[in-house]
Amino acid sequence: MTYEILTGLVLFAFASSITPGPNNIMLMASGVNFGLRRTVPHMLGVSLGHGAMTVLLGLGLVQVFVLIPWLRTVLTVISVAYLLWLAWKVANAAPPAHAKEDARPLTFLQAAGFQWVNPKAVYMSIYAQTTYAPEGTGWSGAVLVGVVFALVNLPSVATWAWGGTQVRRWLAAPGRLRVFNWTMAALLVLSLYPIILGEG
């Protein structure tokens, strides 16, 4: 991979990872409701899960979507249903002091698995592999793209979780927290707009 291609990949990974999307909206809400330490598995699940998905797509799973076009429709339906459920959970999250004992942030595996039903993450991976993977490198090029993406992604998503912790004290008032959670839920639902239209 040349310096120019690597620079382009890093810039694309940063721009696509730091901008608002389902992952970042949920991480910020998790930072507010659970704190940074309890959100770490969620952050790692996003970054490592997305990196692994990027590698697998680069190794040939992207061809599955070409051979089985209806699979994209199925993915969209599952994605919309799951994101709506997550939006409901975010909107109704209780203040930390009043949260149910079983209330907890996403686990590492849940966050990693979520990448497969997050169209923004899927499209980011496909674009990265088709644009930046060096030709003729086979599996090593696919792995390199995935590793670079994960390394750039982690500090980007951590910024959102940390941002949530910074406004946590101000949101200690139940009324403010309720408005914040419903706003985050609304943004999560709005993120479905390009998915439903097939523009994501």
C-alpha atoms as a PDB file:
ATOM      1  CA  MET A   1       0.000   0.000   0.000  1.00  0.00           C
ATOM      2  CA  THR A   2       1.503   3.319  -1.071  1.00  0.00           C
ATOM      3  CA  TYR A   3       1.727   6.325   1.236  1.00  0.00           C
ATOM      4  CA  GLU A   4      -0.932   8.146  -0.808  1.00  0.00           C
ATOM      5  CA  ILE A   5      -3.407   5.253  -0.581  1.00  0.00           C
ATOM      6  CA  LEU A   6      -2.741   4.778   3.129  1.00  0.00           C
ATOM      7  CA  THR A   7      -3.288   8.491   3.747  1.00  0.00           C
ATOM      8  CA  GLY A   8      -6.544   8.382   1.805  1.00  0.00           C
ATOM      9  CA  LEU A   9      -7.718   5.331   3.778  1.00  0.00           C
ATOM     10  CA  VAL A  10      -6.876   6.939   7.121  1.00  0.00           C
ATOM     11  CA  LEU A  11      -8.696  10.146   6.173  1.00  0.00           C
ATOM     12  CA  PHE A  12     -11.743   8.212   4.936  1.00  0.00           C
ATOM     13  CA  ALA A  13     -11.774   6.039   8.063  1.00  0.00           C
ATOM     14  CA  PHE A  14     -11.574   9.107  10.296  1.00  0.00           C
ATOM     15  CA  ALA A  15     -14.222  11.111   8.432  1.00  0.00           C
ATOM     16  CA  SER A  16     -16.685   8.222   8.314  1.00  0.00           C
ATOM     17  CA  SER A  17     -16.006   7.145  11.920  1.00  0.00           C
ATOM     18  CA  ILE A  18     -16.208  10.552  13.613  1.00  0.00           C
ATOM     19  CA  THR A  19     -19.407  11.745  11.911  1.00  0.00           C
ATOM     20  CA  PRO A  20     -22.828  11.078  13.476  1.00  0.00           C
ATOM     21  CA  GLY A  21     -24.340   7.682  12.841  1.00  0.00           C
ATOM     22  CA  PRO A  22     -26.075   4.865  14.745  1.00  0.00           C
ATOM     23  CA  ASN A  23     -22.871   3.741  16.488  1.00  0.00           C
ATOM     24  CA  ASN A  24     -21.843   7.197  17.668  1.00  0.00           C
ATOM     25  CA  ILE A  25     -25.329   8.209  18.759  1.00  0.00           C
ATOM     26  CA  MET A  26     -25.653   5.054  20.870  1.00  0.00           C
ATOM     27  CA  LEU A  27     -22.141   5.483  22.305  1.00  0.00           C
ATOM     28  CA  MET A  28     -22.866   9.041  23.383  1.00  0.00           C
ATOM     29  CA  ALA A  29     -26.107   7.940  25.015  1.00  0.00           C
ATOM     30  CA  SER A  30     -24.236   5.097  26.721  1.00  0.00           C
ATOM     31  CA  GLY A  31     -21.605   7.520  28.004  1.00  0.00           C
ATOM     32  CA  VAL A  32     -24.361   9.645  29.513  1.00  0.00           C
ATOM     33  CA  ASN A  33     -26.319   6.791  31.048  1.00  0.00           C
ATOM     34  CA  PHE A  34     -23.549   4.381  32.086  1.00  0.00           C
ATOM     35  CA  GLY A  35     -20.261   6.314  32.156  1.00  0.00           C
ATOM     36  CA  LEU A  36     -17.068   5.779  30.166  1.00  0.00           C
ATOM     37  CA  ARG A  37     -15.705   2.711  31.960  1.00  0.00           C
ATOM     38  CA  ARG A  38     -18.877   0.666  31.495  1.00  0.00           C
ATOM     39  CA  THR A  39     -19.047   1.778  27.845  1.00  0.00           C
ATOM     40  CA  VAL A  40     -15.542   0.479  26.992  1.00  0.00           C
ATOM     41  CA  PRO A  41     -16.776  -2.999  25.874  1.00  0.00           C
ATOM     42  CA  HIS A  42     -19.297  -1.246  23.617  1.00  0.00           C
ATOM     43  CA  MET A  43     -16.532   0.903  22.096  1.00  0.00           C
ATOM     44  CA  LEU A  44     -14.246  -2.093  21.552  1.00  0.00           C
ATOM     45  CA  GLY A  45     -17.117  -4.070  20.045  1.00  0.00           C
ATOM     46  CA  VAL A  46     -17.778  -1.298  17.538  1.00  0.00           C
ATOM     47  CA  SER A  47     -14.146  -0.881  16.480  1.00  0.00           C
ATOM     48  CA  LEU A  48     -12.991  -4.501  16.470  1.00  0.00           C
ATOM     49  CA  GLY A  49     -16.327  -5.765  15.174  1.00  0.00           C
ATOM     50  CA  HIS A  50     -16.294  -3.286  12.320  1.00  0.00           C
ATOM     51  CA  GLY A  51     -12.660  -4.079  11.555  1.00  0.00           C
ATOM     52  CA  ALA A  52     -13.447  -7.811  11.406  1.00  0.00           C
ATOM     53  CA  MET A  53     -16.461  -7.178   9.181  1.00  0.00           C
ATOM     54  CA  THR A  54     -14.329  -5.038   6.868  1.00  0.00           C
ATOM     55  CA  VAL A  55     -11.810  -7.873   6.542  1.00  0.00           C
ATOM     56  CA  LEU A  56     -14.508 -10.484   5.852  1.00  0.00           C
ATOM     57  CA  LEU A  57     -16.187  -8.287   3.250  1.00  0.00           C
ATOM     58  CA  GLY A  58     -12.823  -7.738   1.609  1.00  0.00           C
ATOM     59  CA  LEU A  59     -12.225 -11.496   1.516  1.00  0.00           C
ATOM     60  CA  GLY A  60     -15.258 -12.008  -0.683  1.00  0.00           C
ATOM     61  CA  LEU A  61     -18.519 -11.659   1.230  1.00  0.00           C
ATOM     62  CA  VAL A  62     -19.252  -8.551  -0.830  1.00  0.00           C
ATOM     63  CA  GLN A  63     -19.794 -10.917  -3.776  1.00  0.00           C
ATOM     64  CA  VAL A  64     -22.650 -12.526  -1.862  1.00  0.00           C
ATOM     65  CA  PHE A  65     -24.611  -9.278  -2.091  1.00  0.00           C
ATOM     66  CA  VAL A  66     -24.029  -9.267  -5.857  1.00  0.00           C
ATOM     67  CA  LEU A  67     -25.090 -12.896  -6.304  1.00  0.00           C
ATOM     68  CA  ILE A  68     -28.069 -12.638  -3.919  1.00  0.00           C
ATOM     69  CA  PRO A  69     -29.538  -9.122  -4.415  1.00  0.00           C
ATOM     70  CA  TRP A  70     -32.557  -9.754  -2.171  1.00  0.00           C
ATOM     71  CA  LEU A  71     -30.193 -10.223   0.760  1.00  0.00           C
ATOM     72  CA  ARG A  72     -29.783  -6.449   0.868  1.00  0.00           C
ATOM     73  CA  THR A  73     -33.545  -6.024   1.315  1.00  0.00           C
ATOM     74  CA  VAL A  74     -33.547  -8.550   4.142  1.00  0.00           C
ATOM     75  CA  LEU A  75     -30.625  -6.724   5.762  1.00  0.00           C
ATOM     76  CA  THR A  76     -32.483  -3.423   5.462  1.00  0.00           C
ATOM     77  CA  VAL A  77     -35.639  -4.792   7.115  1.00  0.00           C
ATOM     78  CA  ILE A  78     -33.655  -6.326   9.977  1.00  0.00           C
ATOM     79  CA  SER A  79     -31.633  -3.135  10.362  1.00  0.00           C
ATOM     80  CA  VAL A  80     -34.682  -0.881  10.535  1.00  0.00           C
ATOM     81  CA  ALA A  81     -36.443  -3.123  13.062  1.00  0.00           C
ATOM     82  CA  TYR A  82     -33.366  -3.428  15.269  1.00  0.00           C
ATOM     83  CA  LEU A  83     -32.547   0.284  15.160  1.00  0.00           C
ATOM     84  CA  LEU A  84     -36.132   1.177  16.060  1.00  0.00           C
ATOM     85  CA  TRP A  85     -35.914  -1.174  19.051  1.00  0.00           C
ATOM     86  CA  LEU A  86     -32.608   0.406  20.109  1.00  0.00           C
ATOM     87  CA  ALA A  87     -34.119   3.880  19.717  1.00  0.00           C
ATOM     88  CA  TRP A  88     -36.946   2.862  22.057  1.00  0.00           C
ATOM     89  CA  LYS A  89     -34.421   1.554  24.605  1.00  0.00           C
ATOM     90  CA  VAL A  90     -32.419   4.794  24.417  1.00  0.00           C
ATOM     91  CA  ALA A  91     -35.518   6.969  24.746  1.00  0.00           C
ATOM     92  CA  ASN A  92     -36.677   5.127  27.845  1.00  0.00           C
ATOM     93  CA  ALA A  93     -33.325   4.759  29.609  1.00  0.00           C
ATOM     94  CA  ALA A  94     -33.724   5.607  33.290  1.00  0.00           C
ATOM     95  CA  PRO A  95     -31.394   8.021  35.126  1.00  0.00           C
ATOM     96  CA  PRO A  96     -28.356   6.146  36.496  1.00  0.00           C
ATOM     97  CA  ALA A  97     -29.592   6.451  40.082  1.00  0.00           C
ATOM     98  CA  HIS A  98     -32.980   5.014  39.174  1.00  0.00           C
ATOM     99  CA  ALA A  99     -31.954   2.507  36.534  1.00  0.00           C
ATOM    100  CA  LYS A 100     -33.074  -1.066  36.921  1.00  0.00           C
ATOM    101  CA  GLU A 101     -30.437  -3.438  38.239  1.00  0.00           C
ATOM    102  CA  ASP A 102     -30.364  -5.278  34.923  1.00  0.00           C
ATOM    103  CA  ALA A 103     -29.882  -2.069  32.901  1.00  0.00           C
ATOM    104  CA  ARG A 104     -26.518  -2.192  31.167  1.00  0.00           C
ATOM    105  CA  PRO A 105     -24.760  -0.906  28.062  1.00  0.00           C
ATOM    106  CA  LEU A 106     -24.227  -3.080  25.011  1.00  0.00           C
ATOM    107  CA  THR A 107     -21.698  -5.856  25.523  1.00  0.00           C
ATOM    108  CA  PHE A 108     -18.669  -6.373  23.292  1.00  0.00           C
ATOM    109  CA  LEU A 109     -20.399  -9.134  21.308  1.00  0.00           C
ATOM    110  CA  GLN A 110     -23.662  -7.198  20.980  1.00  0.00           C
ATOM    111  CA  ALA A 111     -21.819  -4.135  19.651  1.00  0.00           C
ATOM    112  CA  ALA A 112     -19.721  -6.279  17.290  1.00  0.00           C
ATOM    113  CA  GLY A 113     -22.801  -8.084  16.000  1.00  0.00           C
ATOM    114  CA  PHE A 114     -24.630  -4.787  15.538  1.00  0.00           C
ATOM    115  CA  GLN A 115     -22.143  -3.829  12.808  1.00  0.00           C
ATOM    116  CA  TRP A 116     -23.736  -6.416  10.512  1.00  0.00           C
ATOM    117  CA  VAL A 117     -27.159  -4.753  10.776  1.00  0.00           C
ATOM    118  CA  ASN A 118     -25.804  -1.207  10.623  1.00  0.00           C
ATOM    119  CA  PRO A 119     -25.942  -0.237   6.931  1.00  0.00           C
ATOM    120  CA  LYS A 120     -23.652   2.767   7.414  1.00  0.00           C
ATOM    121  CA  ALA A 121     -20.958   0.457   8.795  1.00  0.00           C
ATOM    122  CA  VAL A 122     -21.479  -2.086   6.000  1.00  0.00           C
ATOM    123  CA  TYR A 123     -21.225   0.541   3.275  1.00  0.00           C
ATOM    124  CA  MET A 124     -18.148   2.079   4.917  1.00  0.00           C
ATOM    125  CA  SER A 125     -16.478  -1.340   4.829  1.00  0.00           C
ATOM    126  CA  ILE A 126     -17.410  -2.066   1.225  1.00  0.00           C
ATOM    127  CA  TYR A 127     -16.235   1.354   0.055  1.00  0.00           C
ATOM    128  CA  ALA A 128     -12.954   1.031   1.955  1.00  0.00           C
ATOM    129  CA  GLN A 129     -12.202  -2.373   0.453  1.00  0.00           C
ATOM    130  CA  THR A 130     -13.171  -1.514  -3.114  1.00  0.00           C
ATOM    131  CA  THR A 131     -11.330   1.819  -3.043  1.00  0.00           C
ATOM    132  CA  TYR A 132      -8.239   1.339  -0.897  1.00  0.00           C
ATOM    133  CA  ALA A 133      -7.319  -2.364  -0.871  1.00  0.00           C
ATOM    134  CA  PRO A 134      -4.169  -2.725  -3.017  1.00  0.00           C
ATOM    135  CA  GLU A 135      -4.801  -4.744  -6.161  1.00  0.00           C
ATOM    136  CA  GLY A 136      -3.198  -8.151  -6.333  1.00  0.00           C
ATOM    137  CA  THR A 137      -2.542  -8.399  -2.585  1.00  0.00           C
ATOM    138  CA  GLY A 138      -5.359 -10.860  -1.891  1.00  0.00           C
ATOM    139  CA  TRP A 139      -6.165 -11.557   1.741  1.00  0.00           C
ATOM    140  CA  SER A 140      -3.273  -9.451   3.079  1.00  0.00           C
ATOM    141  CA  GLY A 141      -4.689  -6.301   1.469  1.00  0.00           C
ATOM    142  CA  ALA A 142      -8.152  -7.006   2.906  1.00  0.00           C
ATOM    143  CA  VAL A 143      -6.682  -7.539   6.378  1.00  0.00           C
ATOM    144  CA  LEU A 144      -4.589  -4.361   6.150  1.00  0.00           C
ATOM    145  CA  VAL A 145      -7.620  -2.238   5.291  1.00  0.00           C
ATOM    146  CA  GLY A 146      -9.582  -3.751   8.192  1.00  0.00           C
ATOM    147  CA  VAL A 147      -6.767  -3.218  10.694  1.00  0.00           C
ATOM    148  CA  VAL A 148      -6.205   0.398   9.641  1.00  0.00           C
ATOM    149  CA  PHE A 149      -9.933   1.076   9.873  1.00  0.00           C
ATOM    150  CA  ALA A 150     -10.169  -0.403  13.382  1.00  0.00           C
ATOM    151  CA  LEU A 151      -7.160   1.589  14.616  1.00  0.00           C
ATOM    152  CA  VAL A 152      -8.598   4.863  13.328  1.00  0.00           C
ATOM    153  CA  ASN A 153     -12.141   4.016  14.396  1.00  0.00           C
ATOM    154  CA  LEU A 154     -11.454   3.364  18.094  1.00  0.00           C
ATOM    155  CA  PRO A 155     -10.352   6.881  19.129  1.00  0.00           C
ATOM    156  CA  SER A 156     -13.113   8.324  16.945  1.00  0.00           C
ATOM    157  CA  VAL A 157     -15.930   6.415  18.653  1.00  0.00           C
ATOM    158  CA  ALA A 158     -14.295   6.904  22.057  1.00  0.00           C
ATOM    159  CA  THR A 159     -14.650  10.651  21.525  1.00  0.00           C
ATOM    160  CA  TRP A 160     -18.429  10.282  21.353  1.00  0.00           C
ATOM    161  CA  ALA A 161     -18.619   8.132  24.484  1.00  0.00           C
ATOM    162  CA  TRP A 162     -16.340  10.581  26.321  1.00  0.00           C
ATOM    163  CA  GLY A 163     -18.500  13.467  25.122  1.00  0.00           C
ATOM    164  CA  GLY A 164     -21.475  11.771  26.721  1.00  0.00           C
ATOM    165  CA  THR A 165     -19.686  11.577  30.062  1.00  0.00           C
ATOM    166  CA  GLN A 166     -18.877  15.293  29.910  1.00  0.00           C
ATOM    167  CA  VAL A 167     -22.529  16.293  29.795  1.00  0.00           C
ATOM    168  CA  ARG A 168     -23.584  13.615  32.265  1.00  0.00           C
ATOM    169  CA  ARG A 169     -23.496  15.914  35.308  1.00  0.00           C
ATOM    170  CA  TRP A 170     -25.526  18.599  33.524  1.00  0.00           C
ATOM    171  CA  LEU A 171     -28.021  15.897  32.573  1.00  0.00           C
ATOM    172  CA  ALA A 172     -28.314  14.664  36.153  1.00  0.00           C
ATOM    173  CA  ALA A 173     -31.728  16.332  36.333  1.00  0.00           C
ATOM    174  CA  PRO A 174     -34.275  13.711  35.200  1.00  0.00           C
ATOM    175  CA  GLY A 175     -36.065  16.193  32.952  1.00  0.00           C
ATOM    176  CA  ARG A 176     -32.893  17.097  31.050  1.00  0.00           C
ATOM    177  CA  LEU A 177     -31.858  13.463  30.746  1.00  0.00           C
ATOM    178  CA  ARG A 178     -35.273  12.552  29.393  1.00  0.00           C
ATOM    179  CA  VAL A 179     -35.025  15.255  26.724  1.00  0.00           C
ATOM    180  CA  PHE A 180     -31.480  14.132  25.841  1.00  0.00           C
ATOM    181  CA  ASN A 181     -32.463  10.466  25.558  1.00  0.00           C
ATOM    182  CA  TRP A 182     -35.491  11.217  23.408  1.00  0.00           C
ATOM    183  CA  THR A 183     -33.365  13.502  21.217  1.00  0.00           C
ATOM    184  CA  MET A 184     -30.771  10.739  20.763  1.00  0.00           C
ATOM    185  CA  ALA A 185     -33.569   8.284  19.973  1.00  0.00           C
ATOM    186  CA  ALA A 186     -35.013  10.689  17.403  1.00  0.00           C
ATOM    187  CA  LEU A 187     -31.595  11.099  15.763  1.00  0.00           C
ATOM    188  CA  LEU A 188     -31.232   7.331  15.657  1.00  0.00           C
ATOM    189  CA  VAL A 189     -34.593   7.061  13.893  1.00  0.00           C
ATOM    190  CA  LEU A 190     -33.633   9.885  11.498  1.00  0.00           C
ATOM    191  CA  SER A 191     -30.490   7.955  10.606  1.00  0.00           C
ATOM    192  CA  LEU A 192     -32.822   5.378   9.050  1.00  0.00           C
ATOM    193  CA  TYR A 193     -33.925   7.855   6.355  1.00  0.00           C
ATOM    194  CA  PRO A 194     -31.167   7.111   3.820  1.00  0.00           C
ATOM    195  CA  ILE A 195     -31.343   3.399   4.680  1.00  0.00           C
ATOM    196  CA  ILE A 196     -35.043   3.153   3.861  1.00  0.00           C
ATOM    197  CA  LEU A 197     -34.556   5.131   0.649  1.00  0.00           C
ATOM    198  CA  GLY A 198     -31.634   2.920  -0.307  1.00  0.00           C
ATOM    199  CA  GLU A 199     -29.244   5.853  -0.388  1.00  0.00           C
ATOM    200  CA  GLY A 200     -27.009   4.762   2.507  1.00  0.00           C
END
